[in-house]
Amino acid sequence: MSTGHGADSAPAPSAPDDNGPRRENGAPAQLRDSERAAEAAPAQSPPKNPQKAGKNSAKNPGKLPAKTSMFSSLKIRNYRLFAMGQAVSNTGTWMQRIAQDWLVHSLTGSSTAVGVTTALQFLPMLLFGLYGGVIADRCSKRKLLFATQSAMGLTGLVLAALTLSGNVQVAHVYALAFVLGLVTVLDNPTRQTFVSEMVGPTQIRNAVSLNSANFQSARLVGPAVAGVLISAVGGGWAFLLNGLSFAAPLIGLLMMRTSELHTSERVERGKGQLREGLRYVGGHPELMWPIVLVGFIGTFGFNFPIWLTAFTSDVFDAGPGTYALLNFLMAAGSVAGALLAARRGHSRMRLMTGAAALFGVVEMVAALSPSFWLFAALMAPIGLVGLTFNVTANSSVQLASDPAMRGRVMSLFMMVFVGGTPIGGPVMGWITDAWGARVGFLAGGLVSAAAALGVGLVLARLAGLRPAFGLGKGRPLVRFVPRATATAGAGAEGRVPEAA
């Protein structure tokens, strides 16, 4: 496993650097490499034996395979067990999400209440998320995951008992959402970093993409089953099935071969480890700025429970079946985005910021859609570009992190991504209640697009690039070119050269 900022940990393929990050014209090498080195370097032919190449790369982390197949991580037994268990529990999780949103909306008739429920579930991540990363770096990730997955299943069973007995109140849902959030503080960074222990550094990008495909594939099934259950027998049965579904990942964890895990050295307990993690991220712009962008979009752009329930009930005057259909269509796009990401061998900053900007634009178009079918058709593109952004940011940050810091880095990543919901959820819920579903959705898309533009310009400046505008044969309308080269070329020939 990589122990520093070399080829295995850079956001895009680049030459290994065992002496830490270089600086070129004042810009961190990772940023410059992510934009240019992959294109400048000669193409590498794929290995004749991918399995052997993967093993050799694990031993020699400076050498990455040129290309991975879409499902290459599933050749690893431990990851295969993990993925199968997560497929079952993710389906149950999506069933509970749909049933919980609809239960709260039915009990209160308020989009703000749905936002408050979501906020309470993610408030612990905002308050304590960084501590979860510290604990993940100190403990056995497999054992910690066994405890957190057990606790999450128990919360589903308790909510099922309250709902099926007819005693459920919105206060109960609020309390259980907060408890689930507390467990998630430990579960999220542990589960994110456990992926690298199962597959090793050469397969992180592929495994992260397949994890997302797994989660979003469950979104195709879970909402549909939840919609049927809510309409036929009530949401309590969805909560029950979710609680029972956690048996699958627990069995998978027990069946894993610990000798095949790529375990990193545990961090000893000590003072200042939380501050150390923050300083580490602050000193590496290839980590800090993607996390900033993730924070903006996670806080203001991913409030779909609020917007879709409001559009379903208030704009289209429909029921839970329509709500489930919209989630199904968005999940279909997300699965396509995840599978496309699994085929890519790199995680480039341009792809991340471009997907984030397009995500915001498509949200704004959907908010202004005049008909239900146009709105529904836009759910798949929203899911595709949103998932592309999320996977690219996630894999870039993981690969750019030192293994000893990865738990704390990913806890910060998840803290800003889902921990911002306690801020964005109530705000977007209030805007939706006050000015309508269209204005709420439009505001979320506008913030996402503006954040992508701002962070993209900052990353380009750090990488020594600047935007260039103009039409020409074979040229896009907007592209990024090296500042020094562009200036020299424009002065000598009166035009801006192509970006490298």
Protein backbone atom coordinates (compact mmCIF):
# COMPACT_ATOMS: atom_id res chain seq x y z
CA MET A 1 0.00 0.00 0.00
CA SER A 2 1.08 3.52 -0.72
CA THR A 3 2.61 5.37 2.19
CA GLY A 4 2.77 8.78 0.60
CA HIS A 5 1.86 10.92 -2.36
CA GLY A 6 3.09 8.81 -5.21
CA ALA A 7 1.44 7.24 -8.22
CA ASP A 8 -0.89 5.17 -6.11
CA SER A 9 -2.22 8.16 -4.25
CA ALA A 10 -2.40 10.89 -6.88
CA PRO A 11 -5.79 11.90 -8.29
CA ALA A 12 -4.70 10.83 -11.76
CA PRO A 13 -2.04 8.47 -13.09
CA SER A 14 1.39 10.02 -12.89
CA ALA A 15 4.98 9.10 -12.43
CA PRO A 16 5.80 7.83 -8.97
CA ASP A 17 7.40 10.24 -6.57
CA ASP A 18 8.80 8.69 -3.45
CA ASN A 19 9.95 11.98 -1.99
CA GLY A 20 6.53 13.48 -1.46
CA PRO A 21 4.61 16.07 -3.47
CA ARG A 22 6.60 18.16 -5.90
CA ARG A 23 5.89 21.81 -6.61
CA GLU A 24 6.02 23.20 -10.11
CA ASN A 25 5.57 26.94 -10.66
CA GLY A 26 4.17 27.12 -7.14
CA ALA A 27 1.47 24.51 -7.82
CA PRO A 28 1.25 21.09 -6.16
CA ALA A 29 2.33 18.35 -8.52
CA GLN A 30 -0.82 16.32 -7.92
CA LEU A 31 -2.98 19.07 -9.43
CA ARG A 32 -0.74 19.57 -12.42
CA ASP A 33 -0.43 15.84 -13.01
CA SER A 34 -4.15 15.31 -12.75
CA GLU A 35 -4.72 17.72 -15.62
CA ARG A 36 -1.79 16.98 -17.93
CA ALA A 37 0.54 14.10 -17.11
CA ALA A 38 -1.98 11.40 -18.00
CA GLU A 39 -2.25 12.80 -21.51
CA ALA A 40 1.45 13.58 -21.91
CA ALA A 41 2.69 10.17 -20.76
CA PRO A 42 2.98 7.38 -23.34
CA ALA A 43 0.18 4.86 -23.30
CA GLN A 44 0.82 1.61 -21.48
CA SER A 45 -0.39 -1.70 -22.81
CA PRO A 46 -2.63 -3.71 -20.50
CA PRO A 47 -1.04 -6.62 -18.68
CA LYS A 48 -1.47 -10.06 -20.16
CA ASN A 49 -2.43 -11.50 -16.80
CA PRO A 50 -4.54 -8.95 -14.86
CA GLN A 51 -4.61 -11.00 -11.66
CA LYS A 52 -0.84 -11.34 -11.60
CA ALA A 53 -0.46 -7.68 -12.43
CA GLY A 54 -2.72 -6.74 -9.55
CA LYS A 55 -0.63 -8.76 -7.12
CA ASN A 56 2.61 -7.30 -8.40
CA SER A 57 1.21 -3.79 -8.14
CA ALA A 58 0.26 -4.40 -4.54
CA LYS A 59 3.85 -5.31 -3.81
CA ASN A 60 5.20 -2.43 -5.88
CA PRO A 61 2.77 0.41 -5.30
CA GLY A 62 4.59 2.73 -7.67
CA LYS A 63 3.30 0.72 -10.64
CA LEU A 64 -0.38 0.72 -11.46
CA PRO A 65 -2.07 -1.41 -14.10
CA ALA A 66 -2.94 0.64 -17.15
CA LYS A 67 -6.56 -0.47 -17.23
CA THR A 68 -8.98 -2.43 -15.08
CA SER A 69 -12.10 -4.30 -16.11
CA MET A 70 -15.49 -3.11 -14.95
CA PHE A 71 -15.85 -5.82 -12.27
CA SER A 72 -12.19 -6.57 -11.49
CA SER A 73 -12.58 -6.00 -7.73
CA LEU A 74 -15.14 -8.82 -7.53
CA LYS A 75 -12.35 -11.31 -8.29
CA ILE A 76 -11.18 -10.73 -4.71
CA ARG A 77 -13.01 -13.09 -2.35
CA ASN A 78 -13.22 -10.78 0.68
CA TYR A 79 -14.59 -7.93 -1.39
CA ARG A 80 -17.04 -10.27 -3.08
CA LEU A 81 -18.44 -11.32 0.33
CA PHE A 82 -18.62 -7.66 1.37
CA ALA A 83 -20.41 -6.66 -1.83
CA MET A 84 -23.02 -9.42 -1.56
CA GLY A 85 -23.81 -8.52 2.04
CA GLN A 86 -24.04 -4.84 1.22
CA ALA A 87 -26.37 -5.53 -1.72
CA VAL A 88 -28.91 -7.07 0.67
CA SER A 89 -28.61 -4.47 3.44
CA ASN A 90 -28.56 -1.57 0.94
CA THR A 91 -31.89 -2.77 -0.45
CA GLY A 92 -33.30 -2.73 3.08
CA THR A 93 -31.81 0.71 3.71
CA TRP A 94 -33.54 2.17 0.65
CA MET A 95 -36.81 0.56 1.69
CA GLN A 96 -36.53 2.25 5.08
CA ARG A 97 -35.57 5.62 3.57
CA ILE A 98 -38.67 5.71 1.38
CA ALA A 99 -40.95 4.41 4.12
CA GLN A 100 -39.51 6.81 6.71
CA ASP A 101 -39.88 9.88 4.46
CA TRP A 102 -43.45 8.94 3.65
CA LEU A 103 -44.27 8.14 7.30
CA VAL A 104 -43.05 11.54 8.50
CA HIS A 105 -44.85 13.35 5.69
CA SER A 106 -48.05 11.40 6.49
CA LEU A 107 -47.82 12.16 10.22
CA THR A 108 -47.09 15.87 9.81
CA GLY A 109 -47.97 16.93 6.25
CA SER A 110 -44.80 19.05 6.27
CA SER A 111 -41.75 19.08 4.01
CA THR A 112 -39.89 20.82 6.81
CA ALA A 113 -40.52 17.81 9.08
CA VAL A 114 -39.00 15.53 6.44
CA GLY A 115 -36.00 17.85 6.34
CA VAL A 116 -35.73 17.82 10.13
CA THR A 117 -35.74 14.01 10.17
CA THR A 118 -32.97 13.93 7.60
CA ALA A 119 -31.07 16.61 9.50
CA LEU A 120 -31.26 14.68 12.79
CA GLN A 121 -29.95 11.56 11.08
CA PHE A 122 -26.88 13.43 9.84
CA LEU A 123 -26.39 15.90 12.70
CA PRO A 124 -24.08 13.49 14.61
CA MET A 125 -21.84 13.32 11.54
CA LEU A 126 -21.54 17.11 11.59
CA LEU A 127 -20.82 17.21 15.34
CA PHE A 128 -18.68 14.11 15.83
CA GLY A 129 -17.68 12.95 12.33
CA LEU A 130 -13.98 13.69 12.72
CA TYR A 131 -13.80 11.63 15.90
CA GLY A 132 -15.20 8.67 13.97
CA GLY A 133 -12.22 8.87 11.63
CA VAL A 134 -9.77 8.94 14.53
CA ILE A 135 -11.37 5.79 15.99
CA ALA A 136 -11.36 4.10 12.57
CA ASP A 137 -7.60 4.71 12.25
CA ARG A 138 -7.02 3.17 15.70
CA CYS A 139 -9.21 0.04 15.55
CA SER A 140 -9.65 -3.15 13.56
CA LYS A 141 -11.99 -2.01 10.82
CA ARG A 142 -13.57 -5.43 10.36
CA LYS A 143 -14.50 -5.74 14.05
CA LEU A 144 -15.71 -2.15 14.21
CA LEU A 145 -17.92 -2.71 11.16
CA PHE A 146 -19.45 -5.78 12.78
CA ALA A 147 -20.52 -3.67 15.77
CA THR A 148 -21.88 -0.76 13.74
CA GLN A 149 -23.82 -2.94 11.29
CA SER A 150 -25.41 -4.80 14.21
CA ALA A 151 -26.51 -1.53 15.82
CA MET A 152 -27.97 -0.21 12.56
CA GLY A 153 -30.05 -3.35 12.13
CA LEU A 154 -31.35 -2.96 15.67
CA THR A 155 -32.63 0.59 15.01
CA GLY A 156 -34.66 -0.73 12.07
CA LEU A 157 -36.23 -3.44 14.21
CA VAL A 158 -37.20 -0.93 16.91
CA LEU A 159 -38.87 1.38 14.39
CA ALA A 160 -40.69 -1.61 12.91
CA ALA A 161 -42.04 -2.60 16.33
CA LEU A 162 -43.31 0.93 17.01
CA THR A 163 -44.93 1.27 13.59
CA LEU A 164 -46.54 -2.17 13.42
CA SER A 165 -47.94 -1.75 16.94
CA GLY A 166 -49.60 1.52 15.93
CA ASN A 167 -47.78 3.55 18.59
CA VAL A 168 -45.34 5.41 16.36
CA GLN A 169 -45.11 9.19 16.68
CA VAL A 170 -42.94 11.64 14.83
CA ALA A 171 -40.83 12.09 17.99
CA HIS A 172 -39.95 8.38 17.85
CA VAL A 173 -38.79 8.74 14.25
CA TYR A 174 -36.71 11.78 15.19
CA ALA A 175 -35.05 9.94 18.09
CA LEU A 176 -34.24 6.80 16.09
CA ALA A 177 -32.91 8.89 13.20
CA PHE A 178 -30.52 10.60 15.62
CA VAL A 179 -29.38 7.25 17.09
CA LEU A 180 -28.80 5.90 13.59
CA GLY A 181 -26.73 9.00 12.89
CA LEU A 182 -24.56 8.34 15.94
CA VAL A 183 -23.79 4.84 14.68
CA THR A 184 -23.08 6.21 11.20
CA VAL A 185 -20.33 8.43 12.65
CA LEU A 186 -18.27 5.27 13.14
CA ASP A 187 -19.68 3.18 10.31
CA ASN A 188 -19.07 5.58 7.41
CA PRO A 189 -15.31 6.23 7.65
CA THR A 190 -14.69 2.63 8.70
CA ARG A 191 -16.62 1.21 5.76
CA GLN A 192 -15.01 3.65 3.31
CA THR A 193 -11.46 2.82 4.38
CA PHE A 194 -12.11 -0.92 4.80
CA VAL A 195 -12.49 -1.06 1.01
CA SER A 196 -8.77 -0.38 0.55
CA GLU A 197 -7.94 -3.13 3.05
CA MET A 198 -10.00 -5.64 1.06
CA VAL A 199 -8.76 -4.80 -2.45
CA GLY A 200 -5.41 -3.03 -2.06
CA PRO A 201 -4.32 0.26 -3.66
CA THR A 202 -4.51 -0.88 -7.29
CA GLN A 203 -8.25 -1.54 -7.17
CA ILE A 204 -9.53 1.33 -5.01
CA ARG A 205 -11.06 3.29 -7.90
CA ASN A 206 -12.84 0.23 -9.23
CA ALA A 207 -14.06 -0.89 -5.79
CA VAL A 208 -15.36 2.59 -4.88
CA SER A 209 -17.28 2.69 -8.16
CA LEU A 210 -18.72 -0.78 -7.62
CA ASN A 211 -19.73 0.17 -4.08
CA SER A 212 -21.71 3.06 -5.53
CA ALA A 213 -23.21 0.81 -8.21
CA ASN A 214 -24.16 -1.63 -5.46
CA PHE A 215 -25.85 1.08 -3.39
CA GLN A 216 -27.67 2.57 -6.36
CA SER A 217 -28.72 -0.84 -7.74
CA ALA A 218 -30.41 -1.44 -4.40
CA ARG A 219 -32.14 1.88 -4.97
CA LEU A 220 -33.76 0.34 -8.04
CA VAL A 221 -35.31 -2.42 -5.94
CA GLY A 222 -35.78 -0.89 -2.47
CA PRO A 223 -38.08 2.02 -3.36
CA ALA A 224 -40.24 -0.19 -5.58
CA VAL A 225 -40.67 -2.78 -2.81
CA ALA A 226 -41.26 -0.02 -0.25
CA GLY A 227 -43.94 1.58 -2.45
CA VAL A 228 -45.76 -1.74 -2.75
CA LEU A 229 -45.50 -2.44 0.99
CA ILE A 230 -46.66 1.06 1.99
CA SER A 231 -49.67 0.84 -0.32
CA ALA A 232 -50.58 -2.76 0.58
CA VAL A 233 -49.73 -3.40 4.24
CA GLY A 234 -48.02 -0.27 5.61
CA GLY A 235 -44.48 1.01 6.04
CA GLY A 236 -43.81 -0.95 9.22
CA TRP A 237 -43.01 -4.07 7.20
CA ALA A 238 -40.36 -2.14 5.25
CA PHE A 239 -38.69 -1.23 8.57
CA LEU A 240 -38.81 -4.87 9.66
CA LEU A 241 -37.22 -6.17 6.46
CA ASN A 242 -34.52 -3.52 6.72
CA GLY A 243 -33.61 -4.60 10.24
CA LEU A 244 -33.39 -8.25 9.18
CA SER A 245 -31.35 -7.41 6.07
CA PHE A 246 -28.29 -6.55 8.18
CA ALA A 247 -27.75 -10.26 8.84
CA ALA A 248 -26.21 -10.51 5.35
CA PRO A 249 -23.22 -8.17 5.88
CA LEU A 250 -22.63 -9.62 9.33
CA ILE A 251 -22.34 -13.13 7.85
CA GLY A 252 -20.05 -11.80 5.12
CA LEU A 253 -17.71 -10.18 7.68
CA LEU A 254 -17.52 -13.44 9.64
CA MET A 255 -16.64 -15.43 6.50
CA MET A 256 -13.75 -13.18 5.42
CA ARG A 257 -10.17 -14.45 5.36
CA THR A 258 -8.28 -11.99 7.53
CA SER A 259 -4.93 -13.21 6.15
CA GLU A 260 -5.89 -11.76 2.76
CA LEU A 261 -6.66 -8.25 4.03
CA HIS A 262 -4.25 -5.39 3.17
CA THR A 263 -4.30 -4.10 6.72
CA SER A 264 -2.46 -0.87 7.42
CA GLU A 265 -0.63 -0.18 10.65
CA ARG A 266 -3.02 1.06 13.31
CA VAL A 267 -2.46 4.53 14.70
CA GLU A 268 -1.61 4.49 18.38
CA ARG A 269 -3.76 6.54 20.72
CA GLY A 270 -2.28 9.98 21.27
CA LYS A 271 -3.02 13.65 21.70
CA GLY A 272 -3.67 16.00 18.80
CA GLN A 273 -4.61 13.34 16.23
CA LEU A 274 -7.76 15.19 15.23
CA ARG A 275 -5.86 18.44 14.67
CA GLU A 276 -3.18 16.49 12.83
CA GLY A 277 -5.78 15.22 10.37
CA LEU A 278 -7.15 18.71 9.76
CA ARG A 279 -3.66 20.13 9.21
CA TYR A 280 -2.90 17.30 6.81
CA VAL A 281 -5.96 18.07 4.67
CA GLY A 282 -5.35 21.83 4.85
CA GLY A 283 -1.79 21.34 3.61
CA HIS A 284 -2.85 19.35 0.53
CA PRO A 285 -5.06 21.28 -1.91
CA GLU A 286 -5.72 18.11 -3.91
CA LEU A 287 -7.61 16.96 -0.80
CA MET A 288 -9.00 20.23 0.54
CA TRP A 289 -10.75 21.64 -2.53
CA PRO A 290 -12.57 18.45 -3.58
CA ILE A 291 -13.80 18.20 0.03
CA VAL A 292 -14.98 21.84 -0.08
CA LEU A 293 -16.94 21.13 -3.27
CA VAL A 294 -18.40 17.94 -1.79
CA GLY A 295 -19.53 19.98 1.22
CA PHE A 296 -21.44 22.53 -0.86
CA ILE A 297 -23.14 19.95 -3.06
CA GLY A 298 -23.87 17.55 -0.19
CA THR A 299 -25.40 20.35 1.87
CA PHE A 300 -27.52 22.07 -0.78
CA GLY A 301 -27.72 19.80 -3.83
CA PHE A 302 -28.63 16.35 -2.49
CA ASN A 303 -31.89 17.11 -0.65
CA PHE A 304 -33.97 14.80 -2.81
CA PRO A 305 -36.22 13.44 -0.01
CA ILE A 306 -37.50 16.99 0.50
CA TRP A 307 -37.88 17.93 -3.16
CA LEU A 308 -39.27 14.65 -4.50
CA THR A 309 -41.88 14.30 -1.75
CA ALA A 310 -42.94 17.91 -2.37
CA PHE A 311 -43.09 17.50 -6.15
CA THR A 312 -45.00 14.23 -5.78
CA SER A 313 -47.66 15.48 -3.36
CA ASP A 314 -47.89 19.22 -4.13
CA VAL A 315 -46.96 19.68 -7.80
CA PHE A 316 -48.15 16.41 -9.37
CA ASP A 317 -50.79 15.47 -6.74
CA ALA A 318 -49.65 11.84 -6.71
CA GLY A 319 -48.94 9.15 -4.11
CA PRO A 320 -46.17 6.88 -2.85
CA GLY A 321 -46.02 4.89 -6.10
CA THR A 322 -45.00 8.00 -8.03
CA TYR A 323 -42.45 8.92 -5.37
CA ALA A 324 -40.95 5.44 -5.66
CA LEU A 325 -40.90 5.75 -9.47
CA LEU A 326 -38.92 9.00 -9.34
CA ASN A 327 -36.38 7.41 -7.00
CA PHE A 328 -36.20 4.37 -9.29
CA LEU A 329 -35.40 6.52 -12.33
CA MET A 330 -32.74 8.48 -10.47
CA ALA A 331 -31.20 5.24 -9.26
CA ALA A 332 -31.09 3.87 -12.81
CA GLY A 333 -29.02 6.86 -13.87
CA SER A 334 -26.82 6.48 -10.80
CA VAL A 335 -26.10 2.84 -11.59
CA ALA A 336 -25.10 3.79 -15.14
CA GLY A 337 -22.80 6.50 -13.76
CA ALA A 338 -21.20 4.10 -11.29
CA LEU A 339 -20.55 1.42 -13.92
CA LEU A 340 -19.04 3.97 -16.28
CA ALA A 341 -16.82 5.16 -13.42
CA ALA A 342 -15.74 1.57 -12.75
CA ARG A 343 -14.29 1.35 -16.27
CA ARG A 344 -12.20 4.50 -15.89
CA GLY A 345 -8.63 4.07 -14.72
CA HIS A 346 -8.27 7.63 -13.41
CA SER A 347 -10.09 10.22 -11.30
CA ARG A 348 -9.42 13.61 -12.84
CA MET A 349 -10.19 16.97 -11.28
CA ARG A 350 -11.71 18.25 -14.52
CA LEU A 351 -14.17 15.36 -14.57
CA MET A 352 -15.10 16.00 -10.94
CA THR A 353 -15.79 19.73 -11.35
CA GLY A 354 -17.45 19.29 -14.74
CA ALA A 355 -19.82 16.64 -13.39
CA ALA A 356 -20.62 18.86 -10.40
CA ALA A 357 -21.46 21.82 -12.64
CA LEU A 358 -23.62 19.70 -14.95
CA PHE A 359 -25.37 18.23 -11.91
CA GLY A 360 -26.44 21.71 -10.81
CA VAL A 361 -27.57 22.70 -14.31
CA VAL A 362 -29.72 19.60 -14.79
CA GLU A 363 -31.31 20.15 -11.36
CA MET A 364 -32.29 23.67 -12.40
CA VAL A 365 -33.76 22.40 -15.67
CA ALA A 366 -35.77 19.76 -13.78
CA ALA A 367 -37.07 22.39 -11.35
CA LEU A 368 -38.55 24.33 -14.28
CA SER A 369 -39.97 21.29 -16.09
CA PRO A 370 -43.56 22.01 -17.19
CA SER A 371 -44.76 18.38 -17.21
CA PHE A 372 -44.44 15.29 -15.03
CA TRP A 373 -42.91 13.11 -17.74
CA LEU A 374 -40.17 15.61 -18.54
CA PHE A 375 -39.41 15.93 -14.82
CA ALA A 376 -39.32 12.13 -14.49
CA ALA A 377 -37.08 11.77 -17.55
CA LEU A 378 -34.52 14.16 -16.03
CA MET A 379 -34.15 12.01 -12.89
CA ALA A 380 -31.82 9.58 -14.70
CA PRO A 381 -29.36 12.27 -15.92
CA ILE A 382 -29.36 13.81 -12.43
CA GLY A 383 -28.50 10.43 -10.97
CA LEU A 384 -25.77 9.79 -13.55
CA VAL A 385 -23.86 13.07 -13.20
CA GLY A 386 -24.38 13.20 -9.41
CA LEU A 387 -22.92 9.73 -8.99
CA THR A 388 -20.06 10.51 -11.39
CA PHE A 389 -19.14 13.51 -9.25
CA ASN A 390 -19.40 11.57 -5.99
CA VAL A 391 -17.32 8.58 -7.14
CA THR A 392 -14.65 10.76 -8.73
CA ALA A 393 -14.30 12.92 -5.62
CA ASN A 394 -14.30 9.90 -3.29
CA SER A 395 -11.66 7.90 -5.17
CA SER A 396 -9.49 10.97 -5.74
CA VAL A 397 -9.44 11.80 -2.05
CA GLN A 398 -8.78 8.20 -0.97
CA LEU A 399 -5.93 7.75 -3.43
CA ALA A 400 -4.36 11.07 -2.49
CA SER A 401 -4.36 10.21 1.23
CA ASP A 402 -1.63 8.53 3.25
CA PRO A 403 -3.03 5.19 4.57
CA ALA A 404 -2.27 6.25 8.16
CA MET A 405 -4.43 9.36 7.62
CA ARG A 406 -7.11 7.86 5.42
CA GLY A 407 -9.67 7.28 8.18
CA ARG A 408 -9.48 10.90 9.33
CA VAL A 409 -9.49 12.23 5.77
CA MET A 410 -12.55 10.17 4.81
CA SER A 411 -14.34 11.11 8.02
CA LEU A 412 -13.91 14.76 7.02
CA PHE A 413 -15.09 13.90 3.50
CA MET A 414 -18.22 12.18 4.83
CA MET A 415 -18.75 14.85 7.49
CA VAL A 416 -19.05 17.62 4.93
CA PHE A 417 -20.96 15.44 2.44
CA VAL A 418 -23.70 14.15 4.74
CA GLY A 419 -22.99 16.24 7.84
CA GLY A 420 -24.02 19.39 6.01
CA THR A 421 -27.56 18.01 5.75
CA PRO A 422 -28.56 19.37 9.20
CA ILE A 423 -27.93 22.80 7.68
CA GLY A 424 -29.11 22.26 4.13
CA GLY A 425 -32.09 20.02 4.96
CA PRO A 426 -34.05 22.51 7.10
CA VAL A 427 -33.04 25.44 4.88
CA MET A 428 -34.17 23.72 1.69
CA GLY A 429 -37.27 22.39 3.46
CA TRP A 430 -38.16 25.91 4.58
CA ILE A 431 -37.61 27.35 1.08
CA THR A 432 -39.73 24.53 -0.37
CA ASP A 433 -42.57 25.13 2.11
CA ALA A 434 -42.43 28.92 1.75
CA TRP A 435 -41.99 29.33 -2.03
CA GLY A 436 -42.81 25.93 -3.45
CA ALA A 437 -41.04 22.80 -4.66
CA ARG A 438 -39.80 24.40 -7.88
CA VAL A 439 -38.02 27.27 -6.13
CA GLY A 440 -36.45 24.89 -3.58
CA PHE A 441 -35.10 22.56 -6.28
CA LEU A 442 -33.90 25.52 -8.36
CA ALA A 443 -32.00 26.96 -5.39
CA GLY A 444 -30.20 23.67 -4.77
CA GLY A 445 -29.10 23.41 -8.39
CA LEU A 446 -27.95 27.03 -8.47
CA VAL A 447 -25.74 26.61 -5.39
CA SER A 448 -24.26 23.38 -6.79
CA ALA A 449 -23.39 24.91 -10.15
CA ALA A 450 -21.91 28.06 -8.57
CA ALA A 451 -19.77 26.00 -6.16
CA ALA A 452 -18.47 23.83 -9.03
CA LEU A 453 -17.50 26.92 -11.01
CA GLY A 454 -15.70 28.52 -8.05
CA VAL A 455 -13.77 25.40 -7.01
CA GLY A 456 -12.94 24.60 -10.63
CA LEU A 457 -11.35 28.02 -11.10
CA VAL A 458 -9.37 27.66 -7.85
CA LEU A 459 -8.07 24.20 -8.85
CA ALA A 460 -7.15 25.47 -12.31
CA ARG A 461 -5.19 28.36 -10.82
CA LEU A 462 -3.34 26.03 -8.43
CA ALA A 463 -2.51 23.76 -11.36
CA GLY A 464 -1.10 26.65 -13.38
CA LEU A 465 -4.04 26.74 -15.78
CA ARG A 466 -6.49 29.40 -16.86
CA PRO A 467 -9.80 29.31 -18.77
CA ALA A 468 -9.68 30.07 -22.49
CA PHE A 469 -12.75 30.94 -24.54
CA GLY A 470 -13.39 30.86 -28.25
CA LEU A 471 -14.55 28.69 -31.09
CA GLY A 472 -12.21 26.98 -33.48
CA LYS A 473 -11.84 23.82 -35.50
CA GLY A 474 -11.79 20.91 -33.08
CA ARG A 475 -11.84 23.22 -30.04
CA PRO A 476 -14.46 23.41 -27.29
CA LEU A 477 -16.06 26.71 -26.34
CA VAL A 478 -14.38 26.71 -22.92
CA ARG A 479 -11.14 24.92 -22.07
CA PHE A 480 -8.24 25.22 -19.62
CA VAL A 481 -4.75 25.98 -20.89
CA PRO A 482 -1.38 26.47 -19.14
CA ARG A 483 -1.01 30.15 -18.16
CA ALA A 484 2.64 30.57 -19.21
CA THR A 485 2.23 28.70 -22.48
CA ALA A 486 -0.99 30.51 -23.30
CA THR A 487 0.60 33.92 -22.76
CA ALA A 488 3.64 33.13 -24.87
CA GLY A 489 1.58 31.58 -27.63
CA ALA A 490 -0.88 34.44 -27.76
CA GLY A 491 1.95 36.99 -27.98
CA ALA A 492 3.82 35.14 -30.68
CA GLU A 493 0.99 33.98 -32.88
CA GLY A 494 -2.01 35.98 -31.72
CA ARG A 495 -3.93 32.89 -30.59
CA VAL A 496 -4.24 30.61 -27.55
CA PRO A 497 -2.74 27.14 -28.04
CA GLU A 498 -4.57 23.93 -27.20
CA ALA A 499 -4.50 22.74 -23.60
CA ALA A 500 -2.13 19.91 -22.91
